[in-house]
Amino acid sequence: MNRAWTTVGAIAIAVLLQVAVAPHIALLGVVPSFPLLVVITLAFFDGAAPGAVAGFACGLMLDLLGSGPIGAWALVLSVVGYMTGMLEANVFAEGWLLPVTVALIAGLVAEFSYLVVMLVLGLEINFWSTLWQVVLPGGVYNSVLALLLYPWLARFLRTDRSVRSFRRLA
């Protein structure tokens, strides 16, 4: 039961940070995605199905608090959480390079997928300018944040094993 409360707390804090803090630390109009980082970390540790559930919960909360269509972020983060969770936690036994690389790829996939969903829903969006001005810089920004936040998130969310240093997180 303690693990469930930790997960719910991490998701709630990530969504609150996304709504309250992220717009204020935007760089060149690109806003970081704290829920994406939490979903990726949860998926690394718990696998595909819990990653998808965490992605759906984060996405639905973002959709309900935001101004976009309801369900778009829930769909995107569910798929990203599932795909990230399929990599299995054993792959991430040592180091930080692989989680940061996966965070970069997952961030790019999430932003690009959200752009595609918005286009499918009929919103008037310039595809190429959004791709170059939001999607690509957003993926880089999220990977830099993953580099900084992954060790702390891993330590907070990994409750089944003791973590004594940042060298061995999973």
Protein backbone atom coordinates (compact mmCIF):
# COMPACT_ATOMS: atom_id res chain seq x y z
CA MET A 1 0.00 0.00 0.00
CA ASN A 2 2.94 2.32 0.68
CA ARG A 3 4.06 1.94 -2.94
CA ALA A 4 0.64 3.03 -4.22
CA TRP A 5 0.71 6.19 -2.12
CA THR A 6 4.21 6.99 -3.34
CA THR A 7 3.06 6.63 -6.95
CA VAL A 8 -0.08 8.71 -6.42
CA GLY A 9 1.96 11.37 -4.64
CA ALA A 10 4.54 11.50 -7.43
CA ILE A 11 1.82 11.85 -10.07
CA ALA A 12 0.00 14.57 -8.11
CA ILE A 13 3.20 16.52 -7.48
CA ALA A 14 4.22 16.24 -11.14
CA VAL A 15 0.86 17.56 -12.34
CA LEU A 16 0.94 20.41 -9.80
CA LEU A 17 4.47 21.32 -10.88
CA GLN A 18 3.36 21.21 -14.49
CA VAL A 19 0.51 23.62 -13.87
CA ALA A 20 2.15 25.93 -11.33
CA VAL A 21 5.90 25.93 -12.06
CA ALA A 22 6.54 24.74 -15.62
CA PRO A 23 5.13 27.82 -17.38
CA HIS A 24 7.52 29.98 -15.34
CA ILE A 25 10.65 28.02 -16.30
CA ALA A 26 9.91 27.85 -20.02
CA LEU A 27 12.91 28.43 -22.26
CA LEU A 28 12.20 30.11 -25.59
CA GLY A 29 8.54 29.22 -25.26
CA VAL A 30 9.21 25.52 -24.56
CA VAL A 31 7.63 24.20 -21.38
CA PRO A 32 9.12 21.14 -19.66
CA SER A 33 6.94 18.11 -18.95
CA PHE A 34 7.23 16.94 -15.34
CA PRO A 35 4.46 14.32 -15.71
CA LEU A 36 6.34 12.80 -18.63
CA LEU A 37 9.45 12.39 -16.48
CA VAL A 38 7.44 10.74 -13.70
CA VAL A 39 5.69 8.41 -16.14
CA ILE A 40 9.01 7.39 -17.71
CA THR A 41 10.58 6.71 -14.32
CA LEU A 42 7.58 4.71 -13.11
CA ALA A 43 7.56 2.72 -16.33
CA PHE A 44 11.29 1.96 -15.96
CA PHE A 45 10.71 0.45 -12.55
CA ASP A 46 7.27 -1.12 -12.77
CA GLY A 47 6.90 -2.20 -16.38
CA ALA A 48 4.52 -1.61 -19.26
CA ALA A 49 1.07 -1.90 -17.67
CA PRO A 50 1.79 0.29 -14.63
CA GLY A 51 3.55 2.75 -16.94
CA ALA A 52 0.43 2.96 -19.09
CA VAL A 53 -1.82 3.42 -16.04
CA ALA A 54 0.45 6.14 -14.65
CA GLY A 55 0.52 7.79 -18.07
CA PHE A 56 -3.25 7.71 -18.31
CA ALA A 57 -3.65 9.18 -14.80
CA CYS A 58 -1.12 11.97 -15.46
CA GLY A 59 -2.55 12.70 -18.88
CA LEU A 60 -6.14 12.81 -17.71
CA MET A 61 -5.25 15.16 -14.87
CA LEU A 62 -3.40 17.42 -17.32
CA ASP A 63 -6.34 17.33 -19.72
CA LEU A 64 -8.81 18.21 -16.99
CA LEU A 65 -6.65 21.09 -15.73
CA GLY A 66 -5.64 22.39 -19.16
CA SER A 67 -7.41 24.05 -22.01
CA GLY A 68 -6.90 21.37 -24.67
CA PRO A 69 -9.20 18.54 -25.65
CA ILE A 70 -9.88 16.03 -22.90
CA GLY A 71 -8.19 12.72 -23.51
CA ALA A 72 -5.35 13.83 -25.78
CA TRP A 73 -2.60 13.83 -23.15
CA ALA A 74 -4.13 10.75 -21.52
CA LEU A 75 -3.79 8.84 -24.79
CA VAL A 76 -0.29 10.08 -25.53
CA LEU A 77 1.14 9.49 -22.04
CA SER A 78 -0.50 6.06 -21.81
CA VAL A 79 1.20 4.94 -25.00
CA VAL A 80 4.54 6.47 -24.00
CA GLY A 81 4.34 4.87 -20.53
CA TYR A 82 3.55 1.49 -22.06
CA MET A 83 6.34 1.71 -24.65
CA THR A 84 8.87 2.85 -22.06
CA GLY A 85 7.81 0.13 -19.63
CA MET A 86 8.39 -2.55 -22.26
CA LEU A 87 12.13 -1.88 -21.97
CA GLU A 88 12.18 -3.75 -18.65
CA ALA A 89 13.83 -2.40 -15.51
CA ASN A 90 16.79 -4.79 -15.85
CA VAL A 91 18.10 -2.83 -18.81
CA PHE A 92 18.74 0.15 -16.54
CA ALA A 93 21.04 -1.58 -14.08
CA GLU A 94 23.89 0.92 -14.27
CA GLY A 95 24.40 4.52 -15.10
CA TRP A 96 22.33 7.42 -16.25
CA LEU A 97 22.99 7.60 -20.00
CA LEU A 98 20.37 5.08 -21.09
CA PRO A 99 17.51 6.56 -19.01
CA VAL A 100 18.33 10.05 -20.29
CA THR A 101 18.46 8.78 -23.88
CA VAL A 102 15.11 7.05 -23.45
CA ALA A 103 13.72 10.24 -21.88
CA LEU A 104 14.86 12.18 -24.95
CA ILE A 105 13.21 9.69 -27.32
CA ALA A 106 10.06 9.41 -25.19
CA GLY A 107 9.82 13.21 -24.97
CA LEU A 108 10.11 13.54 -28.72
CA VAL A 109 7.55 10.77 -29.27
CA ALA A 110 5.14 12.31 -26.75
CA GLU A 111 5.34 15.83 -28.18
CA PHE A 112 5.12 14.61 -31.77
CA SER A 113 2.18 12.33 -30.93
CA TYR A 114 0.36 15.18 -29.22
CA LEU A 115 0.94 17.34 -32.31
CA VAL A 116 -0.51 14.60 -34.52
CA VAL A 117 -3.53 14.19 -32.23
CA MET A 118 -4.18 17.94 -32.36
CA LEU A 119 -3.96 17.88 -36.15
CA VAL A 120 -6.33 14.90 -36.35
CA LEU A 121 -8.80 16.73 -34.13
CA GLY A 122 -8.81 19.58 -36.63
CA LEU A 123 -6.92 22.31 -34.77
CA GLU A 124 -5.28 24.91 -36.98
CA ILE A 125 -1.61 24.23 -36.28
CA ASN A 126 1.37 24.86 -38.55
CA PHE A 127 2.99 21.40 -38.51
CA TRP A 128 6.54 22.31 -39.49
CA SER A 129 6.93 25.37 -37.31
CA THR A 130 5.49 23.51 -34.31
CA LEU A 131 7.81 20.59 -35.00
CA TRP A 132 10.90 22.83 -35.08
CA GLN A 133 9.88 25.31 -32.37
CA VAL A 134 8.12 23.06 -29.83
CA VAL A 135 8.62 19.32 -30.41
CA LEU A 136 12.38 19.15 -30.92
CA PRO A 137 13.36 21.73 -28.27
CA GLY A 138 10.85 20.14 -25.88
CA GLY A 139 12.52 16.75 -26.27
CA VAL A 140 15.94 18.25 -25.57
CA TYR A 141 14.62 20.24 -22.59
CA ASN A 142 13.00 17.14 -21.10
CA SER A 143 16.16 15.08 -21.55
CA VAL A 144 18.21 17.75 -19.73
CA LEU A 145 15.61 17.73 -16.94
CA ALA A 146 15.77 13.93 -16.90
CA LEU A 147 19.52 14.17 -16.45
CA LEU A 148 18.98 16.40 -13.43
CA LEU A 149 15.83 14.82 -11.95
CA TYR A 150 16.07 11.10 -12.78
CA PRO A 151 18.38 10.20 -9.87
CA TRP A 152 16.06 11.94 -7.40
CA LEU A 153 12.89 10.50 -8.92
CA ALA A 154 14.46 7.05 -8.99
CA ARG A 155 15.44 7.30 -5.35
CA PHE A 156 11.95 8.49 -4.39
CA LEU A 157 10.00 5.99 -6.48
CA ARG A 158 12.20 2.94 -6.04
CA THR A 159 10.98 1.73 -2.64
CA ASP A 160 11.47 -2.03 -3.05
CA ARG A 161 15.30 -1.88 -2.97
CA SER A 162 17.58 0.34 -1.00
CA VAL A 163 19.52 2.78 -3.14
CA ARG A 164 22.76 3.87 -1.56
CA SER A 165 24.25 5.86 -4.42
CA PHE A 166 23.35 7.27 -7.79
CA ARG A 167 25.58 4.75 -9.54
CA ARG A 168 23.15 1.87 -9.19
CA LEU A 169 19.56 3.09 -9.43
CA ALA A 170 17.66 0.12 -10.80
